[in-house]
Amino acid sequence: MRIAAFTHQGQPGAGIVSADGLSIQPVELAAHEKPLGAQSLIERLSRGDALPPLSAAIAIDQVTLTAPLPRPRRNIFCVGKNYYAHAREFAGSGFDSSAKSGGDVPAHPIIFTKVPECVVGPTDDIVIPKGVSEAIDYEVELAVVIGKGGKGITAARAMDHVWGYTIVNDVTARDWQARHQQWDMGKSFDTFCPMGPWLVSKDECDGNKVQVRCWVNGEIRQDANTADLIFNIPFLIETLSAGITLYPGDVIATGTPVGVGIGFKPPKYLVAGDVVKMEIEGIGVIENRLV
């Protein structure tokens, strides 16, 4: 199942994407649920409830896709330095406040968050905050969407709590990330979390072994597989839920592979007019322009 959020004729909605990706069947939602995109559907499905009735299909080119969770109910959980090559790349960049001698590859997951308000859609612009930072970088990431909530979830049972997956671009102001040491601010500027194009259920996509790619202006920059994660999805869920209750619709961005802009010498930061395209096998593509 693929769940998309969209606007059609000026109104928000959510629906089920057809197998060929050419149309969406809107779900009949209450007015207060519509701006939340897939959130209420994930909650229903996690309880074992049936979906609300579906309306007539709409051609996908007649709607504007928004982030599938346009305003997550709380901060997005994010994992830093979760691919071996990227961990070494970032530790050697001089911008990594978490790196210590001999500790380029973390012994435990590095967790930070992005505020819900930084989420934008799969084709929305990313705004460079002129006069605030121009050291803007890209990070393609597989994002896990929690279905069944819980606390103290073991790694052995963790996948029972996953509803599915989406793509996020963990856009980052590198100078703010380095200056403030805690990463939340440099990760949470407005428009710094493109998400989409939709949610894909775990029965249609195995997030534990999918290819993750990113292009900037047509140049391939990142190309890796989630099988190479330092801390896999079950371990991340076990770690997060040890002391924090997870809820349906929670998003966990699992980390980015080698090839980010800061890893080049000199760094290849994003500038106005750049186009960043990200693709994850079994999910789809998001593409955003810098302005």
Protein backbone atom coordinates (compact mmCIF):
# COMPACT_ATOMS: atom_id res chain seq x y z
CA MET A 1 0.00 0.00 0.00
CA ARG A 2 1.14 3.52 -0.82
CA ILE A 3 -0.47 6.45 0.99
CA ALA A 4 -0.05 9.95 -0.42
CA ALA A 5 -1.07 13.35 0.87
CA PHE A 6 -2.00 16.03 -1.63
CA THR A 7 -3.91 19.16 -2.43
CA HIS A 8 -6.63 19.11 -5.08
CA GLN A 9 -8.56 22.19 -6.11
CA GLY A 10 -7.09 24.00 -3.14
CA GLN A 11 -8.13 21.40 -0.56
CA PRO A 12 -5.87 18.99 1.36
CA GLY A 13 -6.47 15.26 1.35
CA ALA A 14 -4.92 11.81 1.53
CA GLY A 15 -5.46 8.69 -0.47
CA ILE A 16 -4.25 5.38 -1.81
CA VAL A 17 -1.88 5.45 -4.79
CA SER A 18 -2.64 3.04 -7.60
CA ALA A 19 -0.23 0.21 -8.39
CA ASP A 20 0.92 1.98 -11.56
CA GLY A 21 1.40 5.28 -9.71
CA LEU A 22 -0.86 7.16 -12.12
CA SER A 23 -3.83 7.91 -9.86
CA ILE A 24 -4.92 8.38 -6.27
CA GLN A 25 -8.16 7.31 -4.62
CA PRO A 26 -8.91 9.90 -1.93
CA VAL A 27 -9.96 8.63 1.48
CA GLU A 28 -13.00 10.24 3.06
CA LEU A 29 -11.57 12.06 6.08
CA ALA A 30 -13.02 14.47 8.60
CA ALA A 31 -12.12 18.13 8.01
CA HIS A 32 -9.69 18.21 10.95
CA GLU A 33 -7.88 15.09 9.66
CA LYS A 34 -7.22 16.26 6.12
CA PRO A 35 -4.30 18.63 6.87
CA LEU A 36 -2.53 15.77 8.69
CA GLY A 37 -2.16 13.70 5.52
CA ALA A 38 -1.52 10.02 6.23
CA GLN A 39 -1.46 10.39 10.03
CA SER A 40 -5.05 9.36 10.77
CA LEU A 41 -4.81 6.46 8.29
CA ILE A 42 -1.68 5.12 9.99
CA GLU A 43 -3.45 5.38 13.35
CA ARG A 44 -6.49 3.49 12.04
CA LEU A 45 -4.41 0.77 10.42
CA SER A 46 -2.27 0.36 13.54
CA ARG A 47 -5.46 -0.34 15.54
CA GLY A 48 -6.58 -2.88 12.98
CA ASP A 49 -9.46 -0.66 11.81
CA ALA A 50 -10.64 -0.57 8.23
CA LEU A 51 -9.86 2.44 6.09
CA PRO A 52 -12.66 4.96 5.54
CA PRO A 53 -14.51 4.78 2.21
CA LEU A 54 -12.59 5.70 -0.92
CA SER A 55 -13.70 8.29 -3.46
CA ALA A 56 -13.31 8.14 -7.23
CA ALA A 57 -9.73 8.04 -8.45
CA ILE A 58 -8.01 11.26 -9.48
CA ALA A 59 -5.15 11.33 -12.00
CA ILE A 60 -1.93 12.01 -10.12
CA ASP A 61 -1.04 14.85 -12.47
CA GLN A 62 -4.22 16.62 -11.33
CA VAL A 63 -3.04 16.89 -7.72
CA THR A 64 -0.04 18.44 -5.98
CA LEU A 65 1.72 15.96 -3.74
CA THR A 66 2.56 17.26 -0.28
CA ALA A 67 4.69 15.55 2.34
CA PRO A 68 2.81 12.35 3.30
CA LEU A 69 2.95 13.60 6.91
CA PRO A 70 2.76 17.35 6.24
CA ARG A 71 3.09 18.23 9.91
CA PRO A 72 4.28 15.28 11.99
CA ARG A 73 2.79 15.20 15.48
CA ARG A 74 6.24 15.60 17.01
CA ASN A 75 9.88 16.00 16.09
CA ILE A 76 11.42 13.63 13.59
CA PHE A 77 13.97 11.28 15.16
CA CYS A 78 17.22 11.35 13.17
CA VAL A 79 20.34 9.24 13.27
CA GLY A 80 23.78 10.72 12.64
CA LYS A 81 26.80 8.93 11.15
CA ASN A 82 25.04 5.63 10.47
CA TYR A 83 27.02 4.43 7.41
CA TYR A 84 30.68 3.53 7.92
CA ALA A 85 32.06 5.51 4.98
CA HIS A 86 30.00 8.60 5.84
CA ALA A 87 31.03 8.42 9.50
CA ARG A 88 34.67 8.61 8.43
CA GLU A 89 33.89 11.25 5.79
CA PHE A 90 32.19 13.50 8.32
CA ALA A 91 34.73 12.93 11.08
CA GLY A 92 37.45 14.08 8.68
CA SER A 93 35.58 17.19 7.59
CA GLY A 94 36.41 19.28 10.66
CA PHE A 95 32.69 19.95 11.22
CA ASP A 96 31.95 16.94 13.40
CA SER A 97 31.53 18.04 17.02
CA SER A 98 30.83 14.41 18.03
CA ALA A 99 34.10 12.97 16.73
CA LYS A 100 36.82 12.02 19.15
CA SER A 101 40.22 10.52 18.54
CA GLY A 102 39.65 6.94 17.46
CA GLY A 103 35.89 7.42 17.61
CA ASP A 104 35.04 8.23 14.01
CA VAL A 105 32.56 5.32 13.90
CA PRO A 106 30.12 5.70 16.81
CA ALA A 107 29.72 2.94 19.39
CA HIS A 108 26.08 3.90 19.97
CA PRO A 109 23.52 5.62 17.74
CA ILE A 110 23.78 9.41 17.62
CA ILE A 111 20.21 10.70 17.87
CA PHE A 112 19.01 14.25 17.18
CA THR A 113 15.72 15.68 15.97
CA LYS A 114 14.23 17.98 13.34
CA VAL A 115 11.20 20.10 14.22
CA PRO A 116 7.92 19.19 12.48
CA GLU A 117 7.63 22.65 10.93
CA CYS A 118 10.66 22.09 8.68
CA VAL A 119 8.84 19.41 6.66
CA VAL A 120 7.94 20.27 3.05
CA GLY A 121 6.71 18.28 0.09
CA PRO A 122 8.55 16.12 -2.45
CA THR A 123 8.82 18.90 -5.06
CA ASP A 124 8.78 22.02 -2.85
CA ASP A 125 11.63 24.51 -2.85
CA ILE A 126 14.38 24.43 -0.23
CA VAL A 127 15.02 27.99 0.94
CA ILE A 128 18.59 29.11 1.62
CA PRO A 129 18.35 31.36 4.72
CA LYS A 130 20.35 34.23 3.24
CA GLY A 131 22.32 36.14 5.81
CA VAL A 132 21.94 33.25 8.27
CA SER A 133 23.81 30.40 6.56
CA GLU A 134 24.98 29.55 3.08
CA ALA A 135 26.78 26.33 4.05
CA ILE A 136 23.76 24.24 3.04
CA ASP A 137 24.18 20.51 2.49
CA TYR A 138 22.01 17.57 1.36
CA GLU A 139 21.53 14.14 2.95
CA VAL A 140 19.36 11.42 1.40
CA GLU A 141 17.84 9.14 4.02
CA LEU A 142 15.42 6.26 4.33
CA ALA A 143 12.79 7.20 6.89
CA VAL A 144 10.93 4.59 8.93
CA VAL A 145 7.30 5.28 9.83
CA ILE A 146 6.06 3.67 13.01
CA GLY A 147 2.71 1.87 12.87
CA LYS A 148 2.16 0.10 16.17
CA GLY A 149 3.42 2.21 19.06
CA GLY A 150 5.18 0.95 22.15
CA LYS A 151 7.97 1.24 24.69
CA GLY A 152 10.74 -1.22 25.50
CA ILE A 153 10.48 -2.78 22.04
CA THR A 154 13.08 -5.47 21.45
CA ALA A 155 15.05 -5.66 18.23
CA ALA A 156 13.51 -9.09 17.63
CA ARG A 157 10.01 -7.58 17.62
CA ALA A 158 10.86 -4.17 16.19
CA MET A 159 9.69 -4.80 12.63
CA ASP A 160 6.21 -5.59 14.00
CA HIS A 161 6.05 -1.90 14.93
CA VAL A 162 7.02 -0.55 11.50
CA TRP A 163 4.23 0.53 9.15
CA GLY A 164 6.45 1.49 6.27
CA TYR A 165 8.87 3.95 4.75
CA THR A 166 9.38 7.23 2.96
CA ILE A 167 12.27 9.43 1.77
CA VAL A 168 13.61 12.49 3.57
CA ASN A 169 16.32 14.97 2.67
CA ASP A 170 18.00 15.88 5.97
CA VAL A 171 19.04 19.33 4.76
CA THR A 172 21.73 20.78 7.02
CA ALA A 173 23.37 24.16 7.71
CA ARG A 174 26.88 22.83 8.33
CA ASP A 175 28.20 25.98 10.00
CA TRP A 176 25.36 25.96 12.53
CA GLN A 177 25.83 22.24 13.09
CA ALA A 178 29.48 22.80 13.98
CA ARG A 179 29.00 26.06 15.91
CA HIS A 180 26.25 24.87 18.24
CA GLN A 181 27.53 21.26 18.64
CA GLN A 182 24.00 20.02 19.31
CA TRP A 183 22.66 19.55 15.78
CA ASP A 184 18.97 20.43 16.13
CA MET A 185 19.12 24.06 15.01
CA GLY A 186 21.28 23.52 11.93
CA LYS A 187 18.96 20.68 10.90
CA SER A 188 15.63 22.40 11.55
CA PHE A 189 15.52 25.59 9.49
CA ASP A 190 12.30 26.15 7.57
CA THR A 191 12.03 23.86 4.49
CA PHE A 192 14.95 21.68 5.68
CA CYS A 193 13.07 18.37 5.49
CA PRO A 194 11.62 17.52 2.08
CA MET A 195 9.63 14.30 2.45
CA GLY A 196 7.82 11.95 0.11
CA PRO A 197 6.67 11.20 -2.42
CA TRP A 198 4.38 8.97 -0.29
CA LEU A 199 4.48 6.29 2.38
CA VAL A 200 5.09 2.70 1.26
CA SER A 201 4.03 -0.18 3.51
CA LYS A 202 6.68 -2.63 4.69
CA ASP A 203 5.08 -5.51 2.78
CA GLU A 204 5.94 -3.66 -0.46
CA CYS A 205 9.39 -2.40 0.53
CA ASP A 206 12.09 -4.04 2.66
CA GLY A 207 13.83 -1.05 4.19
CA ASN A 208 16.61 -3.24 5.55
CA LYS A 209 18.12 -3.69 2.07
CA VAL A 210 17.22 -0.94 -0.40
CA GLN A 211 19.41 1.22 -2.62
CA VAL A 212 19.64 4.90 -1.63
CA ARG A 213 20.78 7.50 -4.18
CA CYS A 214 21.16 11.26 -4.52
CA TRP A 215 21.99 13.49 -7.51
CA VAL A 216 22.80 17.20 -7.53
CA ASN A 217 22.20 18.83 -10.91
CA GLY A 218 22.30 15.38 -12.50
CA GLU A 219 25.62 14.38 -10.89
CA ILE A 220 25.41 11.26 -8.75
CA ARG A 221 26.67 12.11 -5.26
CA GLN A 222 25.38 9.31 -3.01
CA ASP A 223 24.79 5.66 -3.85
CA ALA A 224 24.59 3.06 -1.08
CA ASN A 225 22.41 0.34 0.40
CA THR A 226 20.69 0.28 3.78
CA ALA A 227 22.21 -3.17 4.33
CA ASP A 228 25.36 -1.17 5.14
CA LEU A 229 23.85 0.72 8.09
CA ILE A 230 26.01 0.63 11.21
CA PHE A 231 22.88 0.39 13.37
CA ASN A 232 20.03 -1.34 11.55
CA ILE A 233 16.36 -0.49 11.81
CA PRO A 234 15.48 -3.01 14.56
CA PHE A 235 18.41 -1.82 16.71
CA LEU A 236 17.40 1.83 16.25
CA ILE A 237 13.83 1.10 17.32
CA GLU A 238 15.05 -0.87 20.34
CA THR A 239 17.36 1.99 21.32
CA LEU A 240 14.80 4.76 20.91
CA SER A 241 11.97 2.90 22.61
CA ALA A 242 14.02 1.87 25.64
CA GLY A 243 13.05 5.10 27.39
CA ILE A 244 10.73 6.86 24.93
CA THR A 245 7.26 5.66 23.98
CA LEU A 246 6.89 5.53 20.20
CA TYR A 247 3.54 6.37 18.62
CA PRO A 248 1.87 5.66 15.26
CA GLY A 249 3.16 8.11 12.69
CA ASP A 250 6.52 8.71 14.38
CA VAL A 251 9.30 9.13 11.81
CA ILE A 252 12.86 7.84 12.19
CA ALA A 253 15.38 9.06 9.58
CA THR A 254 18.03 6.35 9.51
CA GLY A 255 21.10 8.33 8.42
CA THR A 256 22.82 9.29 5.18
CA PRO A 257 25.57 7.54 3.20
CA VAL A 258 28.92 8.88 2.01
CA GLY A 259 28.94 11.63 -0.63
CA VAL A 260 27.51 14.69 1.14
CA GLY A 261 28.77 18.13 0.13
CA ILE A 262 30.93 18.62 3.20
CA GLY A 263 32.94 15.53 2.27
CA PHE A 264 34.44 17.18 -0.81
CA LYS A 265 37.54 19.37 -0.69
CA PRO A 266 36.55 22.12 -1.04
CA PRO A 267 32.98 21.42 0.13
CA LYS A 268 30.24 21.37 -2.50
CA TYR A 269 27.52 23.33 -0.74
CA LEU A 270 24.15 23.88 -2.37
CA VAL A 271 23.45 27.22 -4.05
CA ALA A 272 20.35 28.84 -5.49
CA GLY A 273 19.25 27.07 -8.65
CA ASP A 274 20.66 23.68 -7.71
CA VAL A 275 18.29 20.73 -8.07
CA VAL A 276 18.59 17.81 -5.65
CA LYS A 277 17.04 14.52 -6.70
CA MET A 278 16.76 11.57 -4.31
CA GLU A 279 15.60 8.04 -5.04
CA ILE A 280 15.12 5.03 -2.81
CA GLU A 281 14.42 1.64 -4.33
CA GLY A 282 10.82 0.54 -3.83
CA ILE A 283 9.66 3.99 -2.75
CA GLY A 284 10.17 6.56 -5.49
CA VAL A 285 11.74 9.96 -6.10
CA ILE A 286 11.73 13.41 -4.55
CA GLU A 287 13.25 16.41 -6.32
CA ASN A 288 13.70 19.88 -4.84
CA ARG A 289 15.18 23.15 -6.10
CA LEU A 290 17.26 25.50 -3.97
CA VAL A 291 16.08 29.12 -3.89
